């Protein structure tokens, strides 16, 4: 049951996101004439399969004039006992509503950790392997602060590793110069 609570929290927040966005709307990121925006953010969370903390950063780039698609390159550090796993994600997100609140997406994941390969190496070796991510989340703005809040559930599939994380993030809008 304890492992299902983070997933349930994301689902409930996503269901209520439209009404929350209506209350918070107005402090969104600056846009250029073509509707593009750029945000830099940090996120903290937990891999709820291993009960381990996750710390990361991301860039959120709106790439289409209708502001329905974002590119989300990010990096995460997962702190498992004495091991720190490093993951780089190259993702895309699609907003399901016109308020840029509820989104889902996916992309490539590059996970650097120790892998057991019984055929070639009897001992674990640190290497980077490629896999995929899928995620769902909400992205909220505030009229009081220039920050945007995000809550995201992420499922990663790399080799035998399948981390499941839930994270809370804060994104700061940057001036556009591109």
N, C-alpha and C. Protein backbone atom coordinates (compact mmCIF):
# COMPACT_ATOMS: atom_id res chain seq x y z
N UNK A 1 0.82 -1.20 0.00
CA UNK A 1 0.00 0.00 0.00
C UNK A 1 0.86 1.26 0.00
N UNK A 2 1.98 1.21 0.76
CA UNK A 2 2.84 2.38 0.87
C UNK A 2 3.42 2.79 -0.49
N UNK A 3 3.68 1.81 -1.34
CA UNK A 3 4.23 2.10 -2.66
C UNK A 3 3.19 2.70 -3.59
N UNK A 4 1.93 2.45 -3.35
CA UNK A 4 0.87 2.97 -4.21
C UNK A 4 0.52 4.42 -3.88
N UNK A 5 0.89 4.91 -2.71
CA UNK A 5 0.53 6.28 -2.30
C UNK A 5 1.08 7.35 -3.23
N UNK A 6 2.37 7.29 -3.68
CA UNK A 6 2.84 8.33 -4.59
C UNK A 6 2.08 8.34 -5.91
N UNK A 7 1.76 7.18 -6.44
CA UNK A 7 1.01 7.12 -7.70
C UNK A 7 -0.37 7.70 -7.50
N UNK A 8 -1.02 7.35 -6.41
CA UNK A 8 -2.34 7.88 -6.09
C UNK A 8 -2.30 9.40 -5.95
N UNK A 9 -1.24 9.93 -5.33
CA UNK A 9 -1.11 11.38 -5.16
C UNK A 9 -1.03 12.09 -6.51
N UNK A 10 -0.24 11.56 -7.45
CA UNK A 10 -0.13 12.17 -8.77
C UNK A 10 -1.46 12.13 -9.49
N UNK A 11 -2.16 11.01 -9.42
CA UNK A 11 -3.45 10.88 -10.10
C UNK A 11 -4.45 11.88 -9.53
N UNK A 12 -4.54 12.00 -8.20
CA UNK A 12 -5.48 12.94 -7.59
C UNK A 12 -5.12 14.39 -7.93
N UNK A 13 -3.85 14.71 -7.91
CA UNK A 13 -3.44 16.06 -8.28
C UNK A 13 -3.76 16.36 -9.73
N UNK A 14 -3.53 15.40 -10.61
CA UNK A 14 -3.83 15.62 -12.03
C UNK A 14 -5.32 15.81 -12.25
N UNK A 15 -6.16 15.06 -11.50
CA UNK A 15 -7.61 15.20 -11.66
C UNK A 15 -8.09 16.56 -11.19
N UNK A 16 -7.42 17.15 -10.20
CA UNK A 16 -7.83 18.42 -9.63
C UNK A 16 -7.05 19.59 -10.22
N UNK A 17 -6.16 19.32 -11.16
CA UNK A 17 -5.24 20.36 -11.65
C UNK A 17 -5.95 21.51 -12.34
N UNK A 18 -7.00 21.26 -13.07
CA UNK A 18 -7.66 22.35 -13.79
C UNK A 18 -8.23 23.39 -12.85
N UNK A 19 -8.85 22.96 -11.76
CA UNK A 19 -9.41 23.92 -10.82
C UNK A 19 -8.31 24.65 -10.07
N UNK A 20 -7.21 23.97 -9.74
CA UNK A 20 -6.09 24.61 -9.08
C UNK A 20 -5.45 25.63 -10.01
N UNK A 21 -5.27 25.27 -11.28
CA UNK A 21 -4.67 26.19 -12.24
C UNK A 21 -5.52 27.44 -12.40
N UNK A 22 -6.82 27.29 -12.35
CA UNK A 22 -7.70 28.45 -12.46
C UNK A 22 -7.48 29.42 -11.31
N UNK A 23 -7.15 28.90 -10.13
CA UNK A 23 -6.91 29.76 -8.97
C UNK A 23 -5.52 30.39 -9.02
N UNK A 24 -4.55 29.71 -9.64
CA UNK A 24 -3.18 30.17 -9.62
C UNK A 24 -2.75 30.91 -10.88
N UNK A 25 -3.52 30.86 -11.93
CA UNK A 25 -3.12 31.38 -13.24
C UNK A 25 -2.71 32.84 -13.17
N UNK A 26 -1.79 33.19 -14.04
CA UNK A 26 -1.42 34.59 -14.17
C UNK A 26 0.06 34.82 -14.06
N UNK A 27 0.81 33.97 -13.38
CA UNK A 27 2.23 34.19 -13.21
C UNK A 27 3.08 33.28 -14.06
N UNK A 28 2.64 32.96 -15.24
CA UNK A 28 3.35 32.03 -16.11
C UNK A 28 4.67 32.58 -16.59
N UNK A 29 5.41 31.75 -17.30
CA UNK A 29 6.73 32.19 -17.76
C UNK A 29 6.62 33.22 -18.87
N UNK A 30 7.65 34.06 -19.02
CA UNK A 30 7.64 35.01 -20.13
C UNK A 30 7.70 34.26 -21.45
N UNK A 31 7.03 34.81 -22.45
CA UNK A 31 6.99 34.18 -23.78
C UNK A 31 7.53 35.17 -24.80
N UNK A 32 8.03 34.62 -25.90
CA UNK A 32 8.38 35.48 -27.01
C UNK A 32 7.17 35.61 -27.93
N UNK A 33 7.33 36.28 -29.06
CA UNK A 33 6.20 36.50 -29.97
C UNK A 33 5.64 35.22 -30.57
N UNK A 34 6.42 34.15 -30.56
CA UNK A 34 5.96 32.89 -31.13
C UNK A 34 5.42 31.93 -30.08
N UNK A 35 5.25 32.38 -28.84
CA UNK A 35 4.68 31.55 -27.79
C UNK A 35 5.67 30.64 -27.09
N UNK A 36 6.96 30.79 -27.37
CA UNK A 36 7.95 29.93 -26.73
C UNK A 36 8.28 30.45 -25.34
N UNK A 37 8.62 29.51 -24.45
CA UNK A 37 9.07 29.89 -23.11
C UNK A 37 10.22 28.97 -22.70
N UNK A 38 10.99 29.42 -21.71
CA UNK A 38 12.16 28.70 -21.24
C UNK A 38 12.17 28.75 -19.72
N UNK A 39 12.33 27.60 -19.07
CA UNK A 39 12.37 27.52 -17.61
C UNK A 39 13.52 26.64 -17.18
N UNK A 40 14.15 27.01 -16.07
CA UNK A 40 15.21 26.22 -15.45
C UNK A 40 14.68 25.77 -14.10
N UNK A 41 14.85 24.49 -13.76
CA UNK A 41 14.26 24.01 -12.52
C UNK A 41 15.07 22.97 -11.77
N UNK A 42 14.67 22.77 -10.54
CA UNK A 42 15.21 21.71 -9.69
C UNK A 42 14.05 20.84 -9.24
N UNK A 43 14.37 19.59 -8.92
CA UNK A 43 13.33 18.71 -8.41
C UNK A 43 13.92 17.75 -7.39
N UNK A 44 13.10 17.42 -6.42
CA UNK A 44 13.46 16.44 -5.40
C UNK A 44 12.34 15.42 -5.33
N UNK A 45 12.70 14.21 -5.03
CA UNK A 45 11.69 13.17 -4.99
C UNK A 45 12.21 11.91 -4.35
N UNK A 46 11.49 10.83 -4.65
CA UNK A 46 11.84 9.54 -4.09
C UNK A 46 11.58 8.46 -5.13
N UNK A 47 12.51 7.50 -5.19
CA UNK A 47 12.27 6.28 -5.95
C UNK A 47 11.52 5.38 -4.99
N UNK A 48 10.22 5.24 -5.19
CA UNK A 48 9.40 4.58 -4.18
C UNK A 48 9.50 3.07 -4.23
N UNK A 49 10.25 2.49 -5.15
CA UNK A 49 10.52 1.05 -5.10
C UNK A 49 11.65 0.77 -4.13
N UNK A 50 12.63 1.65 -4.08
CA UNK A 50 13.76 1.45 -3.18
C UNK A 50 13.77 2.40 -2.01
N UNK A 51 12.74 3.24 -1.87
CA UNK A 51 12.69 4.25 -0.81
C UNK A 51 13.99 5.04 -0.74
N UNK A 52 14.46 5.50 -1.90
CA UNK A 52 15.71 6.25 -1.97
C UNK A 52 15.46 7.65 -2.52
N UNK A 53 16.20 8.65 -2.00
CA UNK A 53 15.99 10.02 -2.46
C UNK A 53 16.54 10.26 -3.86
N UNK A 54 15.90 11.20 -4.56
CA UNK A 54 16.28 11.60 -5.91
C UNK A 54 16.41 13.12 -5.92
N UNK A 55 17.48 13.62 -6.53
CA UNK A 55 17.71 15.05 -6.67
C UNK A 55 18.08 15.31 -8.13
N UNK A 56 17.49 16.35 -8.72
CA UNK A 56 17.78 16.59 -10.13
C UNK A 56 17.54 18.02 -10.56
N UNK A 57 17.82 18.25 -11.82
CA UNK A 57 17.59 19.55 -12.43
C UNK A 57 17.09 19.35 -13.84
N UNK A 58 16.45 20.39 -14.38
CA UNK A 58 15.88 20.26 -15.73
C UNK A 58 15.79 21.60 -16.41
N UNK A 59 15.61 21.52 -17.70
CA UNK A 59 15.32 22.67 -18.54
C UNK A 59 14.00 22.36 -19.23
N UNK A 60 13.09 23.31 -19.24
CA UNK A 60 11.78 23.13 -19.89
C UNK A 60 11.68 24.16 -21.00
N UNK A 61 11.61 23.68 -22.25
CA UNK A 61 11.60 24.56 -23.41
C UNK A 61 10.33 24.32 -24.20
N UNK A 62 9.47 25.32 -24.29
CA UNK A 62 8.27 25.23 -25.12
C UNK A 62 8.68 25.48 -26.56
N UNK A 63 8.34 24.53 -27.45
CA UNK A 63 8.90 24.60 -28.80
C UNK A 63 7.88 24.89 -29.90
N UNK A 64 6.61 24.88 -29.61
CA UNK A 64 5.62 25.13 -30.66
C UNK A 64 4.81 26.38 -30.34
N UNK A 65 4.26 27.06 -31.34
CA UNK A 65 3.54 28.32 -31.10
C UNK A 65 2.25 28.13 -30.31
N UNK A 66 1.71 26.93 -30.25
CA UNK A 66 0.48 26.68 -29.50
C UNK A 66 0.78 26.30 -28.06
N UNK A 67 2.07 26.15 -27.72
CA UNK A 67 2.54 25.84 -26.37
C UNK A 67 1.93 24.53 -25.84
N UNK A 68 1.88 23.53 -26.70
CA UNK A 68 1.38 22.21 -26.31
C UNK A 68 2.50 21.20 -26.10
N UNK A 69 3.71 21.50 -26.62
CA UNK A 69 4.82 20.55 -26.58
C UNK A 69 6.04 21.22 -25.94
N UNK A 70 6.65 20.52 -24.98
CA UNK A 70 7.89 20.99 -24.34
C UNK A 70 8.97 19.95 -24.53
N UNK A 71 10.20 20.42 -24.69
CA UNK A 71 11.37 19.55 -24.58
C UNK A 71 11.85 19.64 -23.14
N UNK A 72 12.21 18.50 -22.55
CA UNK A 72 12.59 18.45 -21.14
C UNK A 72 13.89 17.69 -20.93
N UNK A 73 15.03 18.23 -21.29
CA UNK A 73 16.27 17.56 -20.91
C UNK A 73 16.47 17.70 -19.40
N UNK A 74 16.95 16.62 -18.75
CA UNK A 74 17.12 16.67 -17.29
C UNK A 74 18.22 15.72 -16.86
N UNK A 75 18.65 15.90 -15.63
CA UNK A 75 19.62 15.01 -15.00
C UNK A 75 19.11 14.69 -13.59
N UNK A 76 19.33 13.44 -13.16
CA UNK A 76 18.89 13.02 -11.82
C UNK A 76 20.01 12.24 -11.14
N UNK A 77 20.08 12.39 -9.83
CA UNK A 77 21.00 11.61 -9.01
C UNK A 77 20.13 10.84 -8.02
N UNK A 78 20.31 9.51 -8.00
CA UNK A 78 19.56 8.63 -7.09
C UNK A 78 20.55 8.10 -6.08
N UNK A 79 20.27 8.32 -4.79
CA UNK A 79 21.20 7.97 -3.72
C UNK A 79 20.78 6.66 -3.06
N UNK A 80 21.36 5.55 -3.54
CA UNK A 80 21.06 4.21 -3.02
C UNK A 80 22.19 3.76 -2.11
N UNK A 81 21.95 3.70 -0.81
CA UNK A 81 22.96 3.28 0.16
C UNK A 81 24.27 4.00 -0.12
N UNK A 82 25.34 3.27 -0.47
CA UNK A 82 26.64 3.89 -0.74
C UNK A 82 26.83 4.17 -2.22
N UNK A 83 25.81 3.97 -3.02
CA UNK A 83 25.90 4.11 -4.47
C UNK A 83 25.09 5.32 -4.94
N UNK A 84 25.67 6.11 -5.82
CA UNK A 84 24.94 7.20 -6.46
C UNK A 84 24.76 6.85 -7.93
N UNK A 85 23.51 6.68 -8.34
CA UNK A 85 23.22 6.45 -9.75
C UNK A 85 23.00 7.79 -10.41
N UNK A 86 23.44 7.90 -11.66
CA UNK A 86 23.26 9.12 -12.43
C UNK A 86 22.42 8.80 -13.66
N UNK A 87 21.45 9.66 -13.91
CA UNK A 87 20.57 9.43 -15.06
C UNK A 87 20.38 10.73 -15.82
N UNK A 88 20.53 10.66 -17.14
CA UNK A 88 20.26 11.79 -18.02
C UNK A 88 19.04 11.42 -18.85
N UNK A 89 18.09 12.35 -18.96
CA UNK A 89 16.85 12.11 -19.70
C UNK A 89 16.71 13.13 -20.82
N UNK A 90 16.31 12.68 -21.98
CA UNK A 90 15.98 13.57 -23.10
C UNK A 90 14.53 13.29 -23.45
N UNK A 91 13.64 14.11 -22.91
CA UNK A 91 12.20 13.83 -22.97
C UNK A 91 11.43 14.91 -23.72
N UNK A 92 10.23 14.54 -24.11
CA UNK A 92 9.26 15.47 -24.67
C UNK A 92 7.95 15.32 -23.92
N UNK A 93 7.27 16.43 -23.68
CA UNK A 93 6.00 16.41 -22.95
C UNK A 93 4.91 17.04 -23.82
N UNK A 94 3.72 16.48 -23.73
CA UNK A 94 2.56 16.99 -24.45
C UNK A 94 1.50 17.38 -23.42
N UNK A 95 1.02 18.62 -23.50
CA UNK A 95 -0.01 19.11 -22.57
C UNK A 95 -1.39 18.68 -23.05
N UNK A 96 -2.18 18.17 -22.13
CA UNK A 96 -3.51 17.67 -22.47
C UNK A 96 -4.58 18.74 -22.41
N UNK A 97 -4.25 19.92 -21.88
CA UNK A 97 -5.23 21.00 -21.77
C UNK A 97 -4.61 22.31 -22.25
N UNK A 98 -5.45 23.27 -22.56
CA UNK A 98 -4.99 24.56 -23.06
C UNK A 98 -4.31 25.43 -22.02
N UNK A 99 -4.44 25.10 -20.74
CA UNK A 99 -3.82 25.89 -19.67
C UNK A 99 -2.39 25.46 -19.37
N UNK A 100 -1.86 24.48 -20.11
CA UNK A 100 -0.51 23.95 -19.85
C UNK A 100 -0.40 23.44 -18.42
N UNK A 101 -1.36 22.64 -18.01
CA UNK A 101 -1.37 22.13 -16.65
C UNK A 101 -1.04 20.64 -16.60
N UNK A 102 -1.86 19.82 -17.21
CA UNK A 102 -1.69 18.36 -17.17
C UNK A 102 -0.89 17.93 -18.39
N UNK A 103 0.17 17.15 -18.16
CA UNK A 103 1.00 16.71 -19.28
C UNK A 103 1.40 15.25 -19.12
N UNK A 104 1.75 14.66 -20.25
CA UNK A 104 2.35 13.33 -20.25
C UNK A 104 3.41 13.30 -21.32
N UNK A 105 4.31 12.34 -21.21
CA UNK A 105 5.39 12.31 -22.18
C UNK A 105 6.29 11.11 -22.01
N UNK A 106 7.42 11.19 -22.69
CA UNK A 106 8.39 10.12 -22.65
C UNK A 106 9.64 10.51 -23.40
N UNK A 107 10.60 9.60 -23.40
CA UNK A 107 11.84 9.88 -24.09
C UNK A 107 12.91 8.88 -23.76
N UNK A 108 14.15 9.28 -24.03
CA UNK A 108 15.31 8.42 -23.81
C UNK A 108 15.88 8.63 -22.42
N UNK A 109 16.36 7.54 -21.82
CA UNK A 109 17.01 7.58 -20.51
C UNK A 109 18.39 6.95 -20.63
N UNK A 110 19.37 7.59 -20.03
CA UNK A 110 20.73 7.08 -19.99
C UNK A 110 21.11 6.92 -18.53
N UNK A 111 21.18 5.67 -18.05
CA UNK A 111 21.40 5.38 -16.64
C UNK A 111 22.80 4.86 -16.42
N UNK A 112 23.57 5.55 -15.56
CA UNK A 112 24.92 5.14 -15.20
C UNK A 112 24.86 4.54 -13.80
N UNK A 113 25.12 3.22 -13.73
CA UNK A 113 25.12 2.51 -12.46
C UNK A 113 25.95 1.24 -12.62
N UNK A 114 25.95 0.38 -11.61
CA UNK A 114 26.64 -0.91 -11.68
C UNK A 114 25.69 -1.96 -12.23
N UNK A 115 26.11 -2.63 -13.28
CA UNK A 115 25.32 -3.69 -13.90
C UNK A 115 26.05 -5.02 -13.73
N UNK A 116 25.28 -6.07 -13.49
CA UNK A 116 25.83 -7.43 -13.46
C UNK A 116 25.70 -8.04 -14.84
N UNK A 117 26.81 -8.46 -15.40
CA UNK A 117 26.80 -9.12 -16.70
C UNK A 117 27.54 -10.44 -16.53
N UNK A 118 26.81 -11.50 -16.22
CA UNK A 118 27.40 -12.79 -15.87
C UNK A 118 28.25 -13.38 -16.98
N UNK A 119 27.95 -13.07 -18.23
CA UNK A 119 28.69 -13.66 -19.34
C UNK A 119 30.11 -13.10 -19.46
N UNK A 120 30.24 -11.80 -19.39
CA UNK A 120 31.55 -11.19 -19.61
C UNK A 120 32.31 -10.87 -18.33
N UNK A 121 31.60 -10.42 -17.31
CA UNK A 121 32.25 -9.98 -16.08
C UNK A 121 31.53 -10.60 -14.88
N UNK A 122 32.24 -11.36 -14.06
CA UNK A 122 31.58 -11.94 -12.89
C UNK A 122 31.27 -10.89 -11.81
N UNK A 123 31.95 -9.74 -11.87
CA UNK A 123 31.72 -8.67 -10.90
C UNK A 123 30.94 -7.54 -11.55
N UNK A 124 30.18 -6.80 -10.76
CA UNK A 124 29.45 -5.66 -11.35
C UNK A 124 30.42 -4.62 -11.91
N UNK A 125 30.05 -4.04 -13.03
CA UNK A 125 30.85 -2.98 -13.63
C UNK A 125 29.97 -1.74 -13.82
N UNK A 126 30.57 -0.57 -13.58
CA UNK A 126 29.83 0.68 -13.77
C UNK A 126 29.86 1.03 -15.25
N UNK A 127 28.68 1.25 -15.79
CA UNK A 127 28.58 1.67 -17.18
C UNK A 127 27.26 2.40 -17.39
N UNK A 128 27.13 3.03 -18.54
CA UNK A 128 25.91 3.74 -18.90
C UNK A 128 25.16 2.93 -19.94
N UNK A 129 23.89 2.70 -19.69
CA UNK A 129 23.03 1.99 -20.64
C UNK A 129 21.83 2.85 -20.98
N UNK A 130 21.27 2.58 -22.15
CA UNK A 130 20.16 3.38 -22.67
C UNK A 130 18.84 2.65 -22.50
N UNK A 131 17.80 3.42 -22.21
CA UNK A 131 16.46 2.88 -22.09
C UNK A 131 15.43 3.96 -22.39
N UNK A 132 14.28 3.87 -21.74
CA UNK A 132 13.18 4.80 -22.02
C UNK A 132 12.52 5.27 -20.72
N UNK A 133 11.84 6.41 -20.82
CA UNK A 133 11.03 6.99 -19.74
C UNK A 133 9.61 7.18 -20.22
N UNK A 134 8.66 7.06 -19.33
CA UNK A 134 7.31 7.58 -19.53
C UNK A 134 6.94 8.32 -18.25
N UNK A 135 6.14 9.39 -18.38
CA UNK A 135 5.81 10.18 -17.20
C UNK A 135 4.48 10.89 -17.38
N UNK A 136 3.92 11.31 -16.24
CA UNK A 136 2.70 12.11 -16.21
C UNK A 136 2.88 13.13 -15.08
N UNK A 137 2.33 14.33 -15.28
CA UNK A 137 2.51 15.33 -14.24
C UNK A 137 1.57 16.50 -14.39
N UNK A 138 1.70 17.42 -13.43
CA UNK A 138 0.99 18.69 -13.48
C UNK A 138 2.02 19.81 -13.33
N UNK A 139 1.72 20.96 -13.93
CA UNK A 139 2.63 22.10 -14.01
C UNK A 139 1.80 23.33 -13.71
N UNK A 140 2.04 23.99 -12.57
CA UNK A 140 1.18 25.08 -12.11
C UNK A 140 1.96 26.38 -11.98
N UNK A 141 1.30 27.49 -12.30
CA UNK A 141 1.91 28.80 -12.11
C UNK A 141 1.22 29.51 -10.95
N UNK A 142 1.85 30.57 -10.48
CA UNK A 142 1.33 31.34 -9.36
C UNK A 142 1.26 32.81 -9.71
N UNK A 143 0.26 33.50 -9.19
CA UNK A 143 0.18 34.94 -9.39
C UNK A 143 1.08 35.68 -8.41
N UNK A 144 1.47 35.02 -7.33
CA UNK A 144 2.28 35.65 -6.28
C UNK A 144 3.78 35.53 -6.53
N UNK A 145 4.22 34.42 -7.10
CA UNK A 145 5.64 34.14 -7.28
C UNK A 145 5.95 33.90 -8.75
N UNK A 146 7.19 34.15 -9.17
CA UNK A 146 7.55 33.86 -10.56
C UNK A 146 7.89 32.39 -10.78
N UNK A 147 7.69 31.54 -9.78
CA UNK A 147 8.04 30.13 -9.89
C UNK A 147 6.85 29.31 -10.36
N UNK A 148 7.17 28.20 -11.03
CA UNK A 148 6.13 27.25 -11.43
C UNK A 148 6.39 25.94 -10.70
N UNK A 149 5.34 25.39 -10.13
CA UNK A 149 5.41 24.14 -9.39
C UNK A 149 5.09 22.98 -10.33
N UNK A 150 5.78 21.87 -10.15
CA UNK A 150 5.43 20.68 -10.91
C UNK A 150 5.47 19.47 -9.99
N UNK A 151 4.55 18.54 -10.22
CA UNK A 151 4.53 17.25 -9.55
C UNK A 151 4.50 16.22 -10.67
N UNK A 152 5.42 15.25 -10.59
CA UNK A 152 5.57 14.32 -11.71
C UNK A 152 5.83 12.91 -11.22
N UNK A 153 5.18 11.95 -11.86
CA UNK A 153 5.46 10.53 -11.67
C UNK A 153 6.18 10.03 -12.90
N UNK A 154 7.28 9.30 -12.70
CA UNK A 154 8.13 8.86 -13.83
C UNK A 154 8.45 7.38 -13.69
N UNK A 155 8.35 6.67 -14.80
CA UNK A 155 8.70 5.27 -14.88
C UNK A 155 9.83 5.14 -15.89
N UNK A 156 10.94 4.53 -15.47
CA UNK A 156 12.12 4.38 -16.31
C UNK A 156 12.39 2.90 -16.55
N UNK A 157 12.80 2.57 -17.76
CA UNK A 157 13.08 1.19 -18.14
C UNK A 157 14.45 1.12 -18.79
N UNK A 158 15.47 0.70 -18.03
CA UNK A 158 16.83 0.55 -18.53
C UNK A 158 17.36 -0.80 -18.05
N UNK A 159 17.64 -1.70 -18.98
CA UNK A 159 18.13 -3.05 -18.66
C UNK A 159 17.20 -3.67 -17.61
N UNK A 160 17.78 -4.17 -16.52
CA UNK A 160 16.96 -4.77 -15.46
C UNK A 160 16.49 -3.74 -14.44
N UNK A 161 16.87 -2.48 -14.61
CA UNK A 161 16.49 -1.43 -13.67
C UNK A 161 15.18 -0.79 -14.13
N UNK A 162 14.26 -0.65 -13.21
CA UNK A 162 12.98 -0.03 -13.52
C UNK A 162 12.59 0.92 -12.38
N UNK A 163 13.36 2.02 -12.20
CA UNK A 163 13.02 2.96 -11.13
C UNK A 163 11.65 3.60 -11.36
N UNK A 164 10.94 3.83 -10.28
CA UNK A 164 9.65 4.52 -10.28
C UNK A 164 9.80 5.69 -9.33
N UNK A 165 9.76 6.90 -9.87
CA UNK A 165 9.97 8.07 -9.01
C UNK A 165 8.76 8.99 -9.04
N UNK A 166 8.60 9.67 -7.93
CA UNK A 166 7.66 10.78 -7.85
C UNK A 166 8.47 11.97 -7.35
N UNK A 167 8.30 13.11 -8.00
CA UNK A 167 9.13 14.27 -7.69
C UNK A 167 8.31 15.54 -7.66
N UNK A 168 8.76 16.46 -6.83
CA UNK A 168 8.21 17.81 -6.73
C UNK A 168 9.28 18.75 -7.27
N UNK A 169 8.91 19.62 -8.20
CA UNK A 169 9.89 20.51 -8.81
C UNK A 169 9.46 21.96 -8.77
N UNK A 170 10.44 22.84 -8.82
CA UNK A 170 10.22 24.28 -8.95
C UNK A 170 10.99 24.76 -10.17
N UNK A 171 10.30 25.46 -11.06
CA UNK A 171 10.90 25.97 -12.29
C UNK A 171 10.86 27.50 -12.29
N UNK A 172 11.97 28.09 -12.70
CA UNK A 172 12.07 29.54 -12.77
C UNK A 172 12.11 29.96 -14.23
N UNK A 173 11.20 30.86 -14.65
CA UNK A 173 11.20 31.33 -16.04
C UNK A 173 12.43 32.18 -16.33
N UNK A 174 13.08 31.92 -17.45
CA UNK A 174 14.26 32.68 -17.87
C UNK A 174 13.88 33.61 -19.02
N UNK A 175 14.56 34.73 -19.14
CA UNK A 175 14.32 35.60 -20.28
C UNK A 175 14.71 34.87 -21.57
N UNK A 176 13.95 35.10 -22.59
CA UNK A 176 14.21 34.43 -23.86
C UNK A 176 15.20 35.24 -24.67
N UNK A 177 16.17 34.54 -25.21
CA UNK A 177 17.14 35.20 -26.06
C UNK A 177 17.47 34.36 -27.27
N UNK A 178 16.60 33.42 -27.58
CA UNK A 178 16.88 32.57 -28.74
C UNK A 178 15.86 32.75 -29.81
